Amino acid sequence: YFATYFLITGLHGLHVLGGILVFLYLWLPFKGGTKLYNSNPEHLANRVEIAGLFWHFVDLVWIFVFPIFYLL
């Protein structure tokens, strides 16, 4: 039980960290975000939308994982 508990918590943490890194890449003035915004802002908006959908998918999965593994 505890191995599964830490595995699922760690996987969730990795997905949250991955989402944060993607958002930072798109929002901060790195080469990819700024260059893409100046050349094609609609394409950047689509990437931000997809990153947001990923973030909400991780939250949605966590809503089901939390009761199954932590409350049972």
N, C-alpha and C. Protein backbone atom coordinates (compact mmCIF):
# COMPACT_ATOMS: atom_id res chain seq x y z
N TYR A 1 0.83 -1.20 0.00
CA TYR A 1 0.00 0.00 0.00
C TYR A 1 0.86 1.25 0.00
N PHE A 2 1.86 1.29 0.86
CA PHE A 2 2.67 2.51 0.95
C PHE A 2 3.52 2.73 -0.29
N ALA A 3 3.96 1.66 -0.93
CA ALA A 3 4.72 1.81 -2.17
C ALA A 3 3.83 2.44 -3.25
N THR A 4 2.59 1.99 -3.34
CA THR A 4 1.66 2.57 -4.30
C THR A 4 1.36 4.02 -3.96
N TYR A 5 1.20 4.30 -2.67
CA TYR A 5 0.95 5.66 -2.20
C TYR A 5 2.05 6.61 -2.65
N PHE A 6 3.30 6.24 -2.42
CA PHE A 6 4.41 7.12 -2.79
C PHE A 6 4.62 7.16 -4.30
N LEU A 7 4.36 6.06 -5.00
CA LEU A 7 4.49 6.04 -6.45
C LEU A 7 3.48 6.99 -7.09
N ILE A 8 2.23 6.90 -6.70
CA ILE A 8 1.19 7.75 -7.27
C ILE A 8 1.44 9.21 -6.91
N THR A 9 1.83 9.49 -5.68
CA THR A 9 2.13 10.87 -5.29
C THR A 9 3.32 11.41 -6.07
N GLY A 10 4.34 10.59 -6.27
CA GLY A 10 5.50 11.02 -7.04
C GLY A 10 5.17 11.26 -8.50
N LEU A 11 4.36 10.39 -9.10
CA LEU A 11 3.94 10.59 -10.48
C LEU A 11 3.12 11.87 -10.64
N HIS A 12 2.26 12.13 -9.68
CA HIS A 12 1.49 13.37 -9.72
C HIS A 12 2.42 14.57 -9.62
N GLY A 13 3.38 14.49 -8.72
CA GLY A 13 4.34 15.59 -8.58
C GLY A 13 5.15 15.82 -9.85
N LEU A 14 5.54 14.74 -10.53
CA LEU A 14 6.28 14.88 -11.79
C LEU A 14 5.42 15.53 -12.87
N HIS A 15 4.14 15.18 -12.93
CA HIS A 15 3.27 15.79 -13.91
C HIS A 15 3.02 17.27 -13.61
N VAL A 16 2.88 17.61 -12.34
CA VAL A 16 2.73 19.01 -11.97
C VAL A 16 3.99 19.79 -12.32
N LEU A 17 5.14 19.23 -12.00
CA LEU A 17 6.41 19.88 -12.35
C LEU A 17 6.55 20.04 -13.86
N GLY A 18 6.17 19.03 -14.62
CA GLY A 18 6.22 19.13 -16.08
C GLY A 18 5.31 20.23 -16.59
N GLY A 19 4.12 20.35 -16.03
CA GLY A 19 3.20 21.42 -16.42
C GLY A 19 3.76 22.80 -16.09
N ILE A 20 4.38 22.93 -14.94
CA ILE A 20 4.98 24.20 -14.55
C ILE A 20 6.11 24.57 -15.51
N LEU A 21 6.94 23.61 -15.87
CA LEU A 21 8.04 23.88 -16.79
C LEU A 21 7.53 24.30 -18.17
N VAL A 22 6.47 23.65 -18.64
CA VAL A 22 5.89 24.03 -19.94
C VAL A 22 5.34 25.44 -19.88
N PHE A 23 4.60 25.77 -18.82
CA PHE A 23 4.07 27.13 -18.70
C PHE A 23 5.18 28.16 -18.59
N LEU A 24 6.22 27.85 -17.84
CA LEU A 24 7.34 28.79 -17.75
C LEU A 24 8.00 29.00 -19.10
N TYR A 25 8.14 27.93 -19.86
CA TYR A 25 8.74 28.04 -21.19
C TYR A 25 7.89 28.93 -22.10
N LEU A 26 6.57 28.81 -21.98
CA LEU A 26 5.69 29.59 -22.85
C LEU A 26 5.52 31.02 -22.38
N TRP A 27 5.60 31.28 -21.08
CA TRP A 27 5.31 32.62 -20.57
C TRP A 27 6.53 33.51 -20.40
N LEU A 28 7.65 32.94 -20.01
CA LEU A 28 8.83 33.75 -19.78
C LEU A 28 9.54 34.03 -21.10
N PRO A 29 10.33 35.09 -21.15
CA PRO A 29 10.94 35.48 -22.43
C PRO A 29 12.11 34.59 -22.83
N PHE A 30 11.85 33.31 -23.00
CA PHE A 30 12.86 32.41 -23.55
C PHE A 30 12.82 32.50 -25.06
N LYS A 31 13.74 31.84 -25.69
CA LYS A 31 13.84 31.86 -27.15
C LYS A 31 12.54 31.38 -27.81
N GLY A 32 11.98 30.27 -27.32
CA GLY A 32 10.81 29.70 -27.95
C GLY A 32 9.55 30.53 -27.77
N GLY A 33 9.26 30.97 -26.57
CA GLY A 33 8.03 31.71 -26.30
C GLY A 33 8.00 33.07 -26.96
N THR A 34 9.04 33.87 -26.79
CA THR A 34 9.06 35.22 -27.34
C THR A 34 9.12 35.20 -28.86
N LYS A 35 9.95 34.35 -29.42
CA LYS A 35 10.07 34.26 -30.87
C LYS A 35 8.75 33.81 -31.49
N LEU A 36 8.10 32.83 -30.87
CA LEU A 36 6.83 32.33 -31.38
C LEU A 36 5.75 33.40 -31.24
N TYR A 37 5.75 34.15 -30.14
CA TYR A 37 4.74 35.19 -29.96
C TYR A 37 4.90 36.29 -31.01
N ASN A 38 6.13 36.66 -31.31
CA ASN A 38 6.35 37.72 -32.30
C ASN A 38 6.03 37.27 -33.71
N SER A 39 6.24 36.00 -34.02
CA SER A 39 6.02 35.53 -35.39
C SER A 39 4.59 35.03 -35.62
N ASN A 40 4.01 34.33 -34.63
CA ASN A 40 2.68 33.75 -34.82
C ASN A 40 1.96 33.65 -33.46
N PRO A 41 1.32 34.74 -33.03
CA PRO A 41 0.69 34.73 -31.69
C PRO A 41 -0.45 33.73 -31.56
N GLU A 42 -1.16 33.42 -32.66
CA GLU A 42 -2.25 32.45 -32.57
C GLU A 42 -1.72 31.05 -32.27
N HIS A 43 -0.56 30.73 -32.82
CA HIS A 43 0.04 29.42 -32.56
C HIS A 43 0.47 29.31 -31.10
N LEU A 44 1.01 30.40 -30.54
CA LEU A 44 1.39 30.40 -29.13
C LEU A 44 0.15 30.25 -28.25
N ALA A 45 -0.94 30.93 -28.61
CA ALA A 45 -2.17 30.83 -27.83
C ALA A 45 -2.68 29.39 -27.83
N ASN A 46 -2.56 28.71 -28.96
CA ASN A 46 -2.97 27.31 -29.03
C ASN A 46 -2.11 26.45 -28.12
N ARG A 47 -0.82 26.70 -28.08
CA ARG A 47 0.06 25.93 -27.20
C ARG A 47 -0.27 26.17 -25.73
N VAL A 48 -0.58 27.41 -25.37
CA VAL A 48 -0.95 27.71 -23.99
C VAL A 48 -2.26 27.01 -23.64
N GLU A 49 -3.19 26.97 -24.59
CA GLU A 49 -4.46 26.29 -24.35
C GLU A 49 -4.25 24.79 -24.14
N ILE A 50 -3.40 24.18 -24.95
CA ILE A 50 -3.11 22.75 -24.79
C ILE A 50 -2.42 22.49 -23.46
N ALA A 51 -1.50 23.36 -23.07
CA ALA A 51 -0.83 23.21 -21.77
C ALA A 51 -1.85 23.32 -20.64
N GLY A 52 -2.81 24.23 -20.78
CA GLY A 52 -3.87 24.36 -19.78
C GLY A 52 -4.75 23.13 -19.70
N LEU A 53 -5.04 22.53 -20.86
CA LEU A 53 -5.83 21.30 -20.86
C LEU A 53 -5.06 20.16 -20.18
N PHE A 54 -3.75 20.10 -20.40
CA PHE A 54 -2.93 19.10 -19.71
C PHE A 54 -3.00 19.32 -18.20
N TRP A 55 -2.87 20.56 -17.78
CA TRP A 55 -2.89 20.89 -16.35
C TRP A 55 -4.22 20.46 -15.74
N HIS A 56 -5.33 20.73 -16.42
CA HIS A 56 -6.64 20.37 -15.89
C HIS A 56 -6.86 18.86 -15.94
N PHE A 57 -6.27 18.18 -16.91
CA PHE A 57 -6.36 16.73 -16.95
C PHE A 57 -5.65 16.12 -15.74
N VAL A 58 -4.48 16.66 -15.39
CA VAL A 58 -3.76 16.17 -14.21
C VAL A 58 -4.62 16.40 -12.96
N ASP A 59 -5.28 17.55 -12.87
CA ASP A 59 -6.16 17.81 -11.72
C ASP A 59 -7.35 16.84 -11.71
N LEU A 60 -7.92 16.59 -12.87
CA LEU A 60 -9.07 15.69 -12.94
C LEU A 60 -8.69 14.27 -12.52
N VAL A 61 -7.54 13.80 -12.97
CA VAL A 61 -7.07 12.48 -12.56
C VAL A 61 -6.85 12.46 -11.05
N TRP A 62 -6.27 13.53 -10.52
CA TRP A 62 -6.00 13.59 -9.09
C TRP A 62 -7.28 13.57 -8.27
N ILE A 63 -8.37 14.13 -8.80
CA ILE A 63 -9.66 14.10 -8.09
C ILE A 63 -10.12 12.66 -7.87
N PHE A 64 -9.84 11.78 -8.84
CA PHE A 64 -10.21 10.38 -8.69
C PHE A 64 -9.17 9.59 -7.91
N VAL A 65 -7.90 9.92 -8.09
CA VAL A 65 -6.83 9.19 -7.41
C VAL A 65 -6.86 9.45 -5.91
N PHE A 66 -7.12 10.68 -5.51
CA PHE A 66 -7.12 11.02 -4.09
C PHE A 66 -8.09 10.17 -3.28
N PRO A 67 -9.37 10.09 -3.65
CA PRO A 67 -10.26 9.26 -2.83
C PRO A 67 -9.93 7.77 -2.88
N ILE A 68 -9.47 7.30 -4.03
CA ILE A 68 -9.20 5.86 -4.15
C ILE A 68 -8.03 5.45 -3.27
N PHE A 69 -6.94 6.20 -3.31
CA PHE A 69 -5.73 5.77 -2.61
C PHE A 69 -5.58 6.34 -1.21
N TYR A 70 -6.15 7.50 -0.96
CA TYR A 70 -5.90 8.14 0.33
C TYR A 70 -7.04 8.00 1.32
N LEU A 71 -8.24 7.86 0.83
CA LEU A 71 -9.38 7.78 1.75
C LEU A 71 -9.88 6.38 2.00
N LEU A 72 -9.43 5.41 1.18
CA LEU A 72 -9.87 4.02 1.40
C LEU A 72 -8.96 3.30 2.34
